Amino acid sequence: MTSTTLVARPPMTRDEVGTLVGRTMGLVAVTAAAFAVGAYLGRNFSDGSSWLLLVAAFAVLFGIDTVAQRSANLAVAMLFGFGVLVGLSLAPTLSYYGNTDPATLWQTGAATALFVAGSGAAGYATRRDLSAVARYFFWALVALIVFGVVLIFVQIPGGALIYSLLGLVIFAGLTAFDFQRLRQSKDVRDAPLLAVSIFLDILNVFTLMLSLFGGDS
């Protein structure tokens, strides 16, 4: 009879945590730059192609989760591709605002930066374990998605405004949780997965803010 002892990874040193934070935020910046490239390249795309590009982007996203622990270089390349595809999918919307109301884009960008910085700092600094709270926010996000589908078919007064405000509350919690994961992680190789989670937080906050500032409500 044999027994196998699972050895937990030891906590990272302060230098290793600094390396992980730097690498993760660097990858977030790279993904954001790729997003900007995609948004520029797709500025003349039609709205009809957006959904196909978004599906392709999420196919790449699932691929990142598969290869992250096996090949860091491939994960980074896929992260860049994900950013480009998401930028292409949102390019028609961004191009519309850029041509008709560019101030809205700047206001949205500034508000997003402040929102993510505040939520992220709170999550990184808190000593309370947010994992249990994050599960509630996840299911709240699922409910919000269902509400968004309902809004497509049912006209609800102020529905878009309610959707945006609830979404910001949910992503405040999820952003805080993802930044706490950044502090608590025990492996530098987690950087690509952490980066894509934080980028998705930023992207969702940006689109919700754009709905508010753009007057879609």
N, C-alpha and C. Protein backbone atom coordinates (compact mmCIF):
# COMPACT_ATOMS: atom_id res chain seq x y z
N MET A 1 0.86 -1.20 0.00
CA MET A 1 0.00 0.00 0.00
C MET A 1 0.89 1.24 0.00
N THR A 2 0.61 2.13 -0.93
CA THR A 2 1.42 3.33 -1.04
C THR A 2 0.55 4.55 -0.78
N SER A 3 1.18 5.61 -0.38
CA SER A 3 0.46 6.87 -0.14
C SER A 3 1.17 7.97 -0.86
N THR A 4 0.38 8.93 -1.32
CA THR A 4 0.92 10.08 -2.05
C THR A 4 0.61 11.34 -1.28
N THR A 5 1.62 12.10 -1.00
CA THR A 5 1.45 13.34 -0.27
C THR A 5 1.50 14.51 -1.24
N LEU A 6 0.45 15.30 -1.26
CA LEU A 6 0.42 16.48 -2.10
C LEU A 6 1.07 17.64 -1.37
N VAL A 7 2.08 18.20 -1.98
CA VAL A 7 2.81 19.31 -1.35
C VAL A 7 2.30 20.62 -1.92
N ALA A 8 1.74 21.44 -1.07
CA ALA A 8 1.22 22.73 -1.51
C ALA A 8 2.37 23.65 -1.88
N ARG A 9 2.10 24.47 -2.88
CA ARG A 9 3.13 25.44 -3.27
C ARG A 9 3.34 26.43 -2.14
N PRO A 10 4.57 26.75 -1.83
CA PRO A 10 4.83 27.75 -0.79
C PRO A 10 4.45 29.14 -1.29
N PRO A 11 4.12 30.04 -0.39
CA PRO A 11 3.82 31.42 -0.80
C PRO A 11 5.02 32.02 -1.53
N MET A 12 4.73 32.88 -2.47
CA MET A 12 5.81 33.52 -3.21
C MET A 12 6.49 34.58 -2.35
N THR A 13 7.75 34.81 -2.64
CA THR A 13 8.46 35.87 -1.95
C THR A 13 7.97 37.22 -2.45
N ARG A 14 8.36 38.27 -1.75
CA ARG A 14 7.94 39.62 -2.16
C ARG A 14 8.45 39.94 -3.56
N ASP A 15 9.66 39.52 -3.88
CA ASP A 15 10.20 39.76 -5.22
C ASP A 15 9.39 39.02 -6.27
N GLU A 16 8.99 37.79 -5.96
CA GLU A 16 8.21 37.01 -6.92
C GLU A 16 6.82 37.61 -7.12
N VAL A 17 6.24 38.10 -6.04
CA VAL A 17 4.95 38.78 -6.16
C VAL A 17 5.09 40.02 -7.04
N GLY A 18 6.17 40.78 -6.82
CA GLY A 18 6.42 41.95 -7.65
C GLY A 18 6.59 41.59 -9.11
N THR A 19 7.27 40.47 -9.36
CA THR A 19 7.45 40.00 -10.74
C THR A 19 6.11 39.63 -11.35
N LEU A 20 5.27 38.92 -10.58
CA LEU A 20 3.96 38.53 -11.09
C LEU A 20 3.10 39.75 -11.40
N VAL A 21 3.08 40.71 -10.48
CA VAL A 21 2.28 41.92 -10.70
C VAL A 21 2.76 42.67 -11.94
N GLY A 22 4.07 42.83 -12.06
CA GLY A 22 4.63 43.53 -13.21
C GLY A 22 4.33 42.81 -14.51
N ARG A 23 4.49 41.48 -14.50
CA ARG A 23 4.24 40.71 -15.72
C ARG A 23 2.76 40.73 -16.09
N THR A 24 1.91 40.59 -15.09
CA THR A 24 0.47 40.59 -15.36
C THR A 24 0.01 41.92 -15.93
N MET A 25 0.39 43.01 -15.29
CA MET A 25 -0.05 44.31 -15.77
C MET A 25 0.58 44.66 -17.10
N GLY A 26 1.79 44.15 -17.34
CA GLY A 26 2.41 44.33 -18.65
C GLY A 26 1.59 43.62 -19.73
N LEU A 27 1.12 42.41 -19.42
CA LEU A 27 0.29 41.68 -20.38
C LEU A 27 -1.07 42.35 -20.58
N VAL A 28 -1.60 42.94 -19.52
CA VAL A 28 -2.84 43.70 -19.66
C VAL A 28 -2.62 44.87 -20.63
N ALA A 29 -1.48 45.55 -20.48
CA ALA A 29 -1.17 46.67 -21.37
C ALA A 29 -1.00 46.19 -22.82
N VAL A 30 -0.34 45.04 -23.00
CA VAL A 30 -0.16 44.48 -24.34
C VAL A 30 -1.51 44.13 -24.96
N THR A 31 -2.39 43.53 -24.17
CA THR A 31 -3.72 43.17 -24.67
C THR A 31 -4.52 44.42 -25.02
N ALA A 32 -4.40 45.46 -24.20
CA ALA A 32 -5.09 46.72 -24.50
C ALA A 32 -4.56 47.34 -25.79
N ALA A 33 -3.25 47.25 -26.00
CA ALA A 33 -2.66 47.77 -27.23
C ALA A 33 -3.16 46.98 -28.43
N ALA A 34 -3.26 45.64 -28.28
CA ALA A 34 -3.79 44.80 -29.35
C ALA A 34 -5.24 45.15 -29.63
N PHE A 35 -5.98 45.43 -28.57
CA PHE A 35 -7.38 45.85 -28.73
C PHE A 35 -7.45 47.14 -29.56
N ALA A 36 -6.57 48.09 -29.26
CA ALA A 36 -6.55 49.36 -30.00
C ALA A 36 -6.21 49.13 -31.48
N VAL A 37 -5.27 48.22 -31.73
CA VAL A 37 -4.91 47.89 -33.11
C VAL A 37 -6.12 47.30 -33.84
N GLY A 38 -6.82 46.36 -33.18
CA GLY A 38 -8.00 45.77 -33.79
C GLY A 38 -9.09 46.79 -34.04
N ALA A 39 -9.30 47.70 -33.08
CA ALA A 39 -10.32 48.72 -33.25
C ALA A 39 -10.00 49.64 -34.43
N TYR A 40 -8.71 49.91 -34.63
CA TYR A 40 -8.32 50.76 -35.77
C TYR A 40 -8.48 50.03 -37.09
N LEU A 41 -8.03 48.78 -37.12
CA LEU A 41 -8.12 48.01 -38.37
C LEU A 41 -9.56 47.75 -38.78
N GLY A 42 -10.45 47.63 -37.80
CA GLY A 42 -11.84 47.31 -38.11
C GLY A 42 -12.76 48.51 -38.13
N ARG A 43 -12.20 49.69 -38.23
CA ARG A 43 -13.02 50.90 -38.12
C ARG A 43 -14.05 51.01 -39.25
N ASN A 44 -13.82 50.32 -40.37
CA ASN A 44 -14.77 50.38 -41.48
C ASN A 44 -15.58 49.10 -41.61
N PHE A 45 -15.47 48.22 -40.63
CA PHE A 45 -16.24 46.98 -40.65
C PHE A 45 -17.72 47.28 -40.43
N SER A 46 -18.56 46.35 -40.88
CA SER A 46 -20.00 46.48 -40.65
C SER A 46 -20.37 45.86 -39.30
N ASP A 47 -21.51 46.26 -38.79
CA ASP A 47 -21.97 45.70 -37.51
C ASP A 47 -22.22 44.19 -37.59
N GLY A 48 -22.55 43.71 -38.78
CA GLY A 48 -22.88 42.31 -38.94
C GLY A 48 -21.74 41.36 -38.63
N SER A 49 -20.51 41.84 -38.78
CA SER A 49 -19.35 40.97 -38.53
C SER A 49 -18.96 40.93 -37.06
N SER A 50 -19.52 41.80 -36.24
CA SER A 50 -19.10 41.92 -34.84
C SER A 50 -19.31 40.64 -34.05
N TRP A 51 -20.48 40.01 -34.24
CA TRP A 51 -20.78 38.81 -33.46
C TRP A 51 -19.84 37.67 -33.81
N LEU A 52 -19.54 37.51 -35.10
CA LEU A 52 -18.64 36.43 -35.52
C LEU A 52 -17.25 36.64 -34.94
N LEU A 53 -16.79 37.88 -34.94
CA LEU A 53 -15.47 38.19 -34.39
C LEU A 53 -15.45 37.98 -32.88
N LEU A 54 -16.55 38.30 -32.23
CA LEU A 54 -16.62 38.11 -30.78
C LEU A 54 -16.60 36.62 -30.42
N VAL A 55 -17.30 35.80 -31.21
CA VAL A 55 -17.27 34.36 -30.99
C VAL A 55 -15.85 33.82 -31.18
N ALA A 56 -15.17 34.31 -32.22
CA ALA A 56 -13.78 33.89 -32.47
C ALA A 56 -12.89 34.31 -31.31
N ALA A 57 -13.13 35.51 -30.77
CA ALA A 57 -12.32 35.99 -29.65
C ALA A 57 -12.46 35.09 -28.43
N PHE A 58 -13.69 34.66 -28.15
CA PHE A 58 -13.90 33.82 -26.97
C PHE A 58 -13.41 32.39 -27.20
N ALA A 59 -13.36 31.97 -28.44
CA ALA A 59 -12.74 30.67 -28.74
C ALA A 59 -11.25 30.73 -28.39
N VAL A 60 -10.61 31.84 -28.74
CA VAL A 60 -9.20 32.03 -28.40
C VAL A 60 -9.03 32.12 -26.88
N LEU A 61 -9.99 32.77 -26.23
CA LEU A 61 -9.93 32.92 -24.77
C LEU A 61 -9.90 31.55 -24.08
N PHE A 62 -10.75 30.65 -24.52
CA PHE A 62 -10.76 29.31 -23.93
C PHE A 62 -9.44 28.58 -24.23
N GLY A 63 -8.85 28.88 -25.37
CA GLY A 63 -7.57 28.28 -25.71
C GLY A 63 -6.46 28.75 -24.79
N ILE A 64 -6.52 30.01 -24.38
CA ILE A 64 -5.51 30.54 -23.46
C ILE A 64 -5.54 29.77 -22.16
N ASP A 65 -6.72 29.47 -21.67
CA ASP A 65 -6.86 28.73 -20.42
C ASP A 65 -6.23 27.34 -20.52
N THR A 66 -6.26 26.77 -21.73
CA THR A 66 -5.72 25.43 -21.93
C THR A 66 -4.20 25.41 -21.99
N VAL A 67 -3.62 26.43 -22.65
CA VAL A 67 -2.17 26.39 -22.91
C VAL A 67 -1.34 27.19 -21.92
N ALA A 68 -1.98 27.94 -21.02
CA ALA A 68 -1.24 28.88 -20.17
C ALA A 68 -0.14 28.21 -19.36
N GLN A 69 -0.42 27.03 -18.81
CA GLN A 69 0.56 26.36 -17.96
C GLN A 69 1.58 25.57 -18.78
N ARG A 70 1.32 25.38 -20.05
CA ARG A 70 2.21 24.58 -20.89
C ARG A 70 3.22 25.43 -21.65
N SER A 71 2.76 26.55 -22.18
CA SER A 71 3.64 27.40 -22.99
C SER A 71 3.29 28.86 -22.75
N ALA A 72 4.13 29.55 -22.01
CA ALA A 72 3.88 30.96 -21.71
C ALA A 72 3.90 31.80 -22.98
N ASN A 73 4.82 31.49 -23.90
CA ASN A 73 4.93 32.28 -25.13
C ASN A 73 3.68 32.13 -25.99
N LEU A 74 3.16 30.91 -26.09
CA LEU A 74 1.95 30.70 -26.88
C LEU A 74 0.76 31.40 -26.22
N ALA A 75 0.70 31.35 -24.89
CA ALA A 75 -0.39 32.02 -24.18
C ALA A 75 -0.36 33.52 -24.43
N VAL A 76 0.83 34.10 -24.43
CA VAL A 76 0.96 35.54 -24.69
C VAL A 76 0.53 35.87 -26.12
N ALA A 77 0.93 35.03 -27.08
CA ALA A 77 0.54 35.26 -28.47
C ALA A 77 -0.98 35.18 -28.63
N MET A 78 -1.58 34.21 -27.96
CA MET A 78 -3.04 34.07 -28.02
C MET A 78 -3.73 35.24 -27.32
N LEU A 79 -3.11 35.73 -26.26
CA LEU A 79 -3.66 36.89 -25.56
C LEU A 79 -3.67 38.11 -26.48
N PHE A 80 -2.60 38.27 -27.25
CA PHE A 80 -2.53 39.37 -28.23
C PHE A 80 -3.62 39.19 -29.29
N GLY A 81 -3.78 37.95 -29.79
CA GLY A 81 -4.81 37.69 -30.78
C GLY A 81 -6.20 37.95 -30.24
N PHE A 82 -6.42 37.58 -28.97
CA PHE A 82 -7.70 37.84 -28.33
C PHE A 82 -7.99 39.34 -28.31
N GLY A 83 -6.99 40.13 -27.94
CA GLY A 83 -7.17 41.58 -27.91
C GLY A 83 -7.53 42.14 -29.27
N VAL A 84 -6.86 41.67 -30.31
CA VAL A 84 -7.13 42.16 -31.67
C VAL A 84 -8.56 41.80 -32.09
N LEU A 85 -8.97 40.57 -31.83
CA LEU A 85 -10.31 40.13 -32.23
C LEU A 85 -11.40 40.91 -31.50
N VAL A 86 -11.21 41.15 -30.20
CA VAL A 86 -12.20 41.94 -29.46
C VAL A 86 -12.24 43.37 -29.98
N GLY A 87 -11.06 43.92 -30.29
CA GLY A 87 -11.02 45.26 -30.87
C GLY A 87 -11.74 45.33 -32.20
N LEU A 88 -11.57 44.30 -33.03
CA LEU A 88 -12.26 44.25 -34.32
C LEU A 88 -13.78 44.17 -34.11
N SER A 89 -14.20 43.39 -33.11
CA SER A 89 -15.64 43.21 -32.89
C SER A 89 -16.31 44.49 -32.41
N LEU A 90 -15.58 45.30 -31.64
CA LEU A 90 -16.16 46.55 -31.13
C LEU A 90 -15.83 47.76 -32.00
N ALA A 91 -15.08 47.54 -33.05
CA ALA A 91 -14.64 48.65 -33.90
C ALA A 91 -15.79 49.47 -34.47
N PRO A 92 -16.87 48.87 -34.99
CA PRO A 92 -17.96 49.69 -35.52
C PRO A 92 -18.56 50.65 -34.48
N THR A 93 -18.73 50.15 -33.25
CA THR A 93 -19.29 50.99 -32.19
C THR A 93 -18.34 52.13 -31.83
N LEU A 94 -17.05 51.79 -31.67
CA LEU A 94 -16.06 52.81 -31.32
C LEU A 94 -15.90 53.82 -32.44
N SER A 95 -15.97 53.34 -33.68
CA SER A 95 -15.86 54.25 -34.83
C SER A 95 -17.04 55.21 -34.87
N TYR A 96 -18.22 54.70 -34.55
CA TYR A 96 -19.40 55.56 -34.53
C TYR A 96 -19.23 56.71 -33.54
N TYR A 97 -18.84 56.38 -32.31
CA TYR A 97 -18.65 57.42 -31.30
C TYR A 97 -17.48 58.34 -31.66
N GLY A 98 -16.43 57.76 -32.25
CA GLY A 98 -15.28 58.57 -32.64
C GLY A 98 -15.65 59.61 -33.69
N ASN A 99 -16.59 59.27 -34.56
CA ASN A 99 -16.98 60.19 -35.63
C ASN A 99 -18.06 61.17 -35.20
N THR A 100 -18.92 60.75 -34.27
CA THR A 100 -20.06 61.60 -33.91
C THR A 100 -19.90 62.31 -32.57
N ASP A 101 -19.21 61.68 -31.63
CA ASP A 101 -19.09 62.26 -30.29
C ASP A 101 -17.81 61.77 -29.62
N PRO A 102 -16.64 62.22 -30.10
CA PRO A 102 -15.37 61.71 -29.55
C PRO A 102 -15.19 62.01 -28.06
N ALA A 103 -15.83 63.07 -27.56
CA ALA A 103 -15.71 63.40 -26.13
C ALA A 103 -16.23 62.25 -25.26
N THR A 104 -17.24 61.56 -25.76
CA THR A 104 -17.81 60.43 -25.01
C THR A 104 -16.76 59.35 -24.78
N LEU A 105 -15.94 59.09 -25.80
CA LEU A 105 -14.90 58.06 -25.67
C LEU A 105 -13.87 58.46 -24.62
N TRP A 106 -13.46 59.74 -24.63
CA TRP A 106 -12.48 60.19 -23.64
C TRP A 106 -13.05 60.14 -22.23
N GLN A 107 -14.29 60.58 -22.08
CA GLN A 107 -14.93 60.54 -20.76
C GLN A 107 -15.08 59.10 -20.27
N THR A 108 -15.46 58.22 -21.18
CA THR A 108 -15.61 56.81 -20.83
C THR A 108 -14.28 56.20 -20.42
N GLY A 109 -13.24 56.51 -21.17
CA GLY A 109 -11.91 55.98 -20.86
C GLY A 109 -11.42 56.46 -19.50
N ALA A 110 -11.62 57.75 -19.21
CA ALA A 110 -11.17 58.29 -17.92
C ALA A 110 -11.96 57.68 -16.77
N ALA A 111 -13.28 57.57 -16.95
CA ALA A 111 -14.12 57.00 -15.90
C ALA A 111 -13.76 55.53 -15.66
N THR A 112 -13.48 54.81 -16.74
CA THR A 112 -13.10 53.40 -16.61
C THR A 112 -11.79 53.26 -15.85
N ALA A 113 -10.82 54.10 -16.17
CA ALA A 113 -9.52 54.04 -15.50
C ALA A 113 -9.67 54.28 -14.00
N LEU A 114 -10.46 55.30 -13.62
CA LEU A 114 -10.67 55.60 -12.21
C LEU A 114 -11.42 54.47 -11.50
N PHE A 115 -12.42 53.93 -12.18
CA PHE A 115 -13.24 52.87 -11.59
C PHE A 115 -12.41 51.61 -11.34
N VAL A 116 -11.64 51.20 -12.34
CA VAL A 116 -10.83 49.98 -12.21
C VAL A 116 -9.71 50.20 -11.19
N ALA A 117 -9.11 51.38 -11.20
CA ALA A 117 -8.04 51.66 -10.25
C ALA A 117 -8.57 51.60 -8.82
N GLY A 118 -9.74 52.19 -8.58
CA GLY A 118 -10.31 52.17 -7.24
C GLY A 118 -10.71 50.77 -6.79
N SER A 119 -11.42 50.04 -7.66
CA SER A 119 -11.85 48.69 -7.32
C SER A 119 -10.66 47.76 -7.15
N GLY A 120 -9.68 47.89 -8.07
CA GLY A 120 -8.50 47.04 -8.00
C GLY A 120 -7.67 47.29 -6.76
N ALA A 121 -7.49 48.56 -6.42
CA ALA A 121 -6.71 48.89 -5.22
C ALA A 121 -7.39 48.36 -3.96
N ALA A 122 -8.73 48.47 -3.91
CA ALA A 122 -9.47 47.97 -2.76
C ALA A 122 -9.31 46.46 -2.63
N GLY A 123 -9.42 45.76 -3.76
CA GLY A 123 -9.28 44.31 -3.73
C GLY A 123 -7.88 43.86 -3.38
N TYR A 124 -6.88 44.56 -3.88
CA TYR A 124 -5.49 44.19 -3.62
C TYR A 124 -5.12 44.43 -2.16
N ALA A 125 -5.69 45.47 -1.58
CA ALA A 125 -5.30 45.86 -0.22
C ALA A 125 -6.06 45.10 0.86
N THR A 126 -7.30 44.67 0.57
CA THR A 126 -8.11 44.07 1.63
C THR A 126 -7.55 42.73 2.08
N ARG A 127 -7.69 42.45 3.37
CA ARG A 127 -7.26 41.17 3.93
C ARG A 127 -8.41 40.16 3.96
N ARG A 128 -9.61 40.61 3.71
CA ARG A 128 -10.75 39.71 3.71
C ARG A 128 -10.73 38.85 2.45
N ASP A 129 -10.98 37.57 2.59
CA ASP A 129 -11.03 36.66 1.45
C ASP A 129 -12.29 36.94 0.64
N LEU A 130 -12.11 37.33 -0.61
CA LEU A 130 -13.24 37.71 -1.46
C LEU A 130 -13.77 36.57 -2.30
N SER A 131 -13.19 35.37 -2.16
CA SER A 131 -13.59 34.27 -3.04
C SER A 131 -15.07 33.91 -2.86
N ALA A 132 -15.56 33.91 -1.62
CA ALA A 132 -16.97 33.58 -1.39
C ALA A 132 -17.87 34.65 -1.99
N VAL A 133 -17.48 35.91 -1.82
CA VAL A 133 -18.27 37.02 -2.38
C VAL A 133 -18.25 36.95 -3.90
N ALA A 134 -17.11 36.56 -4.47
CA ALA A 134 -16.98 36.50 -5.92
C ALA A 134 -17.96 35.51 -6.53
N ARG A 135 -18.27 34.43 -5.82
CA ARG A 135 -19.24 33.46 -6.34
C ARG A 135 -20.62 34.10 -6.48
N TYR A 136 -20.98 34.95 -5.52
CA TYR A 136 -22.26 35.65 -5.63
C TYR A 136 -22.26 36.62 -6.81
N PHE A 137 -21.14 37.30 -7.00
CA PHE A 137 -21.04 38.22 -8.13
C PHE A 137 -21.08 37.47 -9.46
N PHE A 138 -20.52 36.27 -9.49
CA PHE A 138 -20.56 35.48 -10.72
C PHE A 138 -22.00 35.14 -11.09
N TRP A 139 -22.77 34.67 -10.11
CA TRP A 139 -24.16 34.33 -10.40
C TRP A 139 -24.99 35.58 -10.68
N ALA A 140 -24.61 36.68 -10.07
CA ALA A 140 -25.27 37.95 -10.38
C ALA A 140 -24.99 38.34 -11.83
N LEU A 141 -23.78 38.05 -12.31
CA LEU A 141 -23.43 38.33 -13.70
C LEU A 141 -24.26 37.47 -14.64
N VAL A 142 -24.43 36.19 -14.29
CA VAL A 142 -25.27 35.32 -15.11
C VAL A 142 -26.69 35.87 -15.19
N ALA A 143 -27.21 36.31 -14.04
CA ALA A 143 -28.56 36.88 -14.02
C ALA A 143 -28.62 38.16 -14.85
N LEU A 144 -27.56 38.96 -14.81
CA LEU A 144 -27.52 40.18 -15.60
C LEU A 144 -27.54 39.88 -17.10
N ILE A 145 -26.82 38.83 -17.49
CA ILE A 145 -26.81 38.43 -18.90
C ILE A 145 -28.22 38.03 -19.34
N VAL A 146 -28.92 37.28 -18.49
CA VAL A 146 -30.30 36.89 -18.79
C VAL A 146 -31.18 38.14 -18.91
N PHE A 147 -30.98 39.09 -18.00
CA PHE A 147 -31.73 40.35 -18.05
C PHE A 147 -31.45 41.09 -19.36
N GLY A 148 -30.19 41.07 -19.79
CA GLY A 148 -29.84 41.72 -21.05
C GLY A 148 -30.54 41.08 -22.25
N VAL A 149 -30.66 39.75 -22.22
CA VAL A 149 -31.38 39.06 -23.29
C VAL A 149 -32.85 39.45 -23.28
N VAL A 150 -33.43 39.55 -22.08
CA VAL A 150 -34.84 39.95 -21.96
C VAL A 150 -35.04 41.35 -22.55
N LEU A 151 -34.08 42.24 -22.31
CA LEU A 151 -34.19 43.61 -22.82
C LEU A 151 -34.23 43.67 -24.33
N ILE A 152 -33.66 42.65 -24.98
CA ILE A 152 -33.67 42.62 -26.44
C ILE A 152 -35.10 42.46 -26.96
N PHE A 153 -35.90 41.70 -26.22
CA PHE A 153 -37.25 41.38 -26.68
C PHE A 153 -38.36 42.14 -25.96
N VAL A 154 -38.05 42.65 -24.76
CA VAL A 154 -39.07 43.33 -23.96
C VAL A 154 -38.63 44.76 -23.67
N GLN A 155 -39.50 45.70 -23.94
CA GLN A 155 -39.19 47.10 -23.69
C GLN A 155 -39.47 47.41 -22.22
N ILE A 156 -38.41 47.69 -21.45
CA ILE A 156 -38.55 48.02 -20.03
C ILE A 156 -38.07 49.46 -19.83
N PRO A 157 -38.90 50.35 -19.30
CA PRO A 157 -38.48 51.74 -19.07
C PRO A 157 -37.22 51.81 -18.22
N GLY A 158 -36.20 52.49 -18.72
CA GLY A 158 -34.95 52.62 -18.00
C GLY A 158 -34.17 51.32 -17.91
N GLY A 159 -34.53 50.34 -18.73
CA GLY A 159 -33.88 49.04 -18.66
C GLY A 159 -32.38 49.09 -18.92
N ALA A 160 -31.98 49.88 -19.92
CA ALA A 160 -30.56 49.98 -20.25
C ALA A 160 -29.77 50.62 -19.11
N LEU A 161 -30.37 51.63 -18.48
CA LEU A 161 -29.71 52.29 -17.35
C LEU A 161 -29.56 51.32 -16.18
N ILE A 162 -30.61 50.59 -15.88
CA ILE A 162 -30.56 49.59 -14.80
C ILE A 162 -29.48 48.56 -15.09
N TYR A 163 -29.46 48.08 -16.33
CA TYR A 163 -28.47 47.08 -16.74
C TYR A 163 -27.05 47.60 -16.52
N SER A 164 -26.78 48.83 -16.94
CA SER A 164 -25.44 49.40 -16.82
C SER A 164 -25.03 49.59 -15.36
N LEU A 165 -25.93 50.11 -14.55
CA LEU A 165 -25.60 50.36 -13.15
C LEU A 165 -25.38 49.05 -12.38
N LEU A 166 -26.24 48.07 -12.62
CA LEU A 166 -26.05 46.77 -11.97
C LEU A 166 -24.75 46.12 -12.44
N GLY A 167 -24.47 46.28 -13.72
CA GLY A 167 -23.23 45.72 -14.25
C GLY A 167 -22.00 46.33 -13.61
N LEU A 168 -22.02 47.62 -13.37
CA LEU A 168 -20.88 48.28 -12.73
C LEU A 168 -20.70 47.80 -11.29
N VAL A 169 -21.80 47.59 -10.59
CA VAL A 169 -21.71 47.06 -9.22
C VAL A 169 -21.08 45.67 -9.24
N ILE A 170 -21.53 44.84 -10.17
CA ILE A 170 -21.01 43.48 -10.26
C ILE A 170 -19.53 43.49 -10.61
N PHE A 171 -19.14 44.31 -11.57
CA PHE A 171 -17.74 44.30 -11.99
C PHE A 171 -16.83 45.03 -11.01
N ALA A 172 -17.40 45.86 -10.14
CA ALA A 172 -16.59 46.40 -9.05
C ALA A 172 -16.13 45.25 -8.16
N GLY A 173 -17.06 44.33 -7.86
CA GLY A 173 -16.72 43.18 -7.04
C GLY A 173 -15.77 42.22 -7.73
N LEU A 174 -16.02 41.93 -9.01
CA LEU A 174 -15.17 41.00 -9.74
C LEU A 174 -13.77 41.56 -9.96
N THR A 175 -13.68 42.87 -10.20
CA THR A 175 -12.37 43.50 -10.36
C THR A 175 -11.58 43.43 -9.07
N ALA A 176 -12.23 43.72 -7.96
CA ALA A 176 -11.57 43.63 -6.66
C ALA A 176 -11.06 42.21 -6.42
N PHE A 177 -11.88 41.21 -6.75
CA PHE A 177 -11.49 39.82 -6.57
C PHE A 177 -10.29 39.45 -7.44
N ASP A 178 -10.29 39.88 -8.70
CA ASP A 178 -9.19 39.54 -9.59
C ASP A 178 -7.87 40.18 -9.13
N PHE A 179 -7.94 41.39 -8.58
CA PHE A 179 -6.72 42.00 -8.07
C PHE A 179 -6.26 41.34 -6.77
N GLN A 180 -7.20 40.83 -6.00
CA GLN A 180 -6.80 40.06 -4.82
C GLN A 180 -6.13 38.75 -5.24
N ARG A 181 -6.64 38.11 -6.28
CA ARG A 181 -5.99 36.90 -6.82
C ARG A 181 -4.57 37.21 -7.26
N LEU A 182 -4.37 38.40 -7.78
CA LEU A 182 -3.04 38.81 -8.21
C LEU A 182 -2.07 38.81 -7.04
N ARG A 183 -2.54 39.23 -5.87
CA ARG A 183 -1.68 39.25 -4.69
C ARG A 183 -1.51 37.87 -4.07
N GLN A 184 -2.53 37.03 -4.18
CA GLN A 184 -2.52 35.74 -3.50
C GLN A 184 -1.98 34.59 -4.35
N SER A 185 -1.77 34.82 -5.62
CA SER A 185 -1.31 33.74 -6.50
C SER A 185 0.03 33.19 -6.03
N LYS A 186 0.27 31.90 -6.32
CA LYS A 186 1.50 31.23 -5.88
C LYS A 186 2.38 30.79 -7.05
N ASP A 187 2.07 31.27 -8.25
CA ASP A 187 2.84 30.85 -9.42
C ASP A 187 2.91 31.98 -10.43
N VAL A 188 4.11 32.36 -10.82
CA VAL A 188 4.30 33.43 -11.80
C VAL A 188 3.68 33.06 -13.14
N ARG A 189 3.56 31.75 -13.42
CA ARG A 189 2.98 31.31 -14.69
C ARG A 189 1.50 31.64 -14.80
N ASP A 190 0.89 32.07 -13.70
CA ASP A 190 -0.52 32.46 -13.73
C ASP A 190 -0.74 33.82 -14.40
N ALA A 191 0.33 34.51 -14.73
CA ALA A 191 0.22 35.87 -15.26
C ALA A 191 -0.72 36.00 -16.46
N PRO A 192 -0.63 35.13 -17.50
CA PRO A 192 -1.54 35.30 -18.65
C PRO A 192 -3.01 35.17 -18.27
N LEU A 193 -3.33 34.21 -17.40
CA LEU A 193 -4.73 34.03 -17.01
C LEU A 193 -5.23 35.19 -16.16
N LEU A 194 -4.39 35.68 -15.27
CA LEU A 194 -4.76 36.85 -14.48
C LEU A 194 -4.93 38.07 -15.36
N ALA A 195 -4.04 38.19 -16.36
CA ALA A 195 -4.10 39.34 -17.26
C ALA A 195 -5.39 39.35 -18.06
N VAL A 196 -5.80 38.18 -18.56
CA VAL A 196 -7.02 38.15 -19.37
C VAL A 196 -8.24 38.42 -18.50
N SER A 197 -8.23 37.98 -17.24
CA SER A 197 -9.35 38.27 -16.34
C SER A 197 -9.46 39.76 -16.07
N ILE A 198 -8.32 40.40 -15.80
CA ILE A 198 -8.33 41.84 -15.52
C ILE A 198 -8.71 42.62 -16.76
N PHE A 199 -8.22 42.19 -17.93
CA PHE A 199 -8.58 42.88 -19.16
C PHE A 199 -10.08 42.77 -19.42
N LEU A 200 -10.67 41.60 -19.16
CA LEU A 200 -12.11 41.45 -19.35
C LEU A 200 -12.88 42.35 -18.39
N ASP A 201 -12.38 42.49 -17.16
CA ASP A 201 -13.01 43.43 -16.22
C ASP A 201 -12.99 44.84 -16.81
N ILE A 202 -11.83 45.25 -17.28
CA ILE A 202 -11.68 46.60 -17.85
C ILE A 202 -12.60 46.78 -19.05
N LEU A 203 -12.63 45.77 -19.92
CA LEU A 203 -13.44 45.86 -21.14
C LEU A 203 -14.92 45.98 -20.80
N ASN A 204 -15.39 45.18 -19.86
CA ASN A 204 -16.80 45.23 -19.50
C ASN A 204 -17.17 46.55 -18.83
N VAL A 205 -16.29 47.03 -17.96
CA VAL A 205 -16.53 48.33 -17.33
C VAL A 205 -16.58 49.42 -18.40
N PHE A 206 -15.68 49.34 -19.38
CA PHE A 206 -15.64 50.34 -20.45
C PHE A 206 -16.95 50.35 -21.24
N THR A 207 -17.45 49.17 -21.62
CA THR A 207 -18.67 49.12 -22.41
C THR A 207 -19.88 49.59 -21.60
N LEU A 208 -19.89 49.28 -20.30
CA LEU A 208 -20.99 49.75 -19.45
C LEU A 208 -20.93 51.27 -19.29
N MET A 209 -19.74 51.79 -19.09
CA MET A 209 -19.59 53.25 -18.99
C MET A 209 -19.96 53.92 -20.30
N LEU A 210 -19.62 53.29 -21.42
CA LEU A 210 -19.94 53.87 -22.73
C LEU A 210 -21.44 53.96 -22.92
N SER A 211 -22.15 52.95 -22.42
CA SER A 211 -23.60 52.99 -22.49
C SER A 211 -24.16 54.17 -21.68
N LEU A 212 -23.55 54.43 -20.52
CA LEU A 212 -24.01 55.54 -19.68
C LEU A 212 -23.67 56.89 -20.31
N PHE A 213 -22.42 57.06 -20.68
CA PHE A 213 -21.98 58.35 -21.22
C PHE A 213 -22.54 58.59 -22.63
N GLY A 214 -22.79 57.50 -23.35
CA GLY A 214 -23.30 57.65 -24.71
C GLY A 214 -24.79 57.89 -24.78
N GLY A 215 -25.45 57.83 -23.62
CA GLY A 215 -26.89 58.14 -23.62
C GLY A 215 -27.74 57.05 -24.17
N ASP A 216 -27.24 55.78 -24.16
CA ASP A 216 -28.04 54.68 -24.70
C ASP A 216 -29.23 54.36 -23.81
N SER A 217 -29.13 54.79 -22.56
CA SER A 217 -30.24 54.52 -21.66
C SER A 217 -31.44 55.42 -21.96
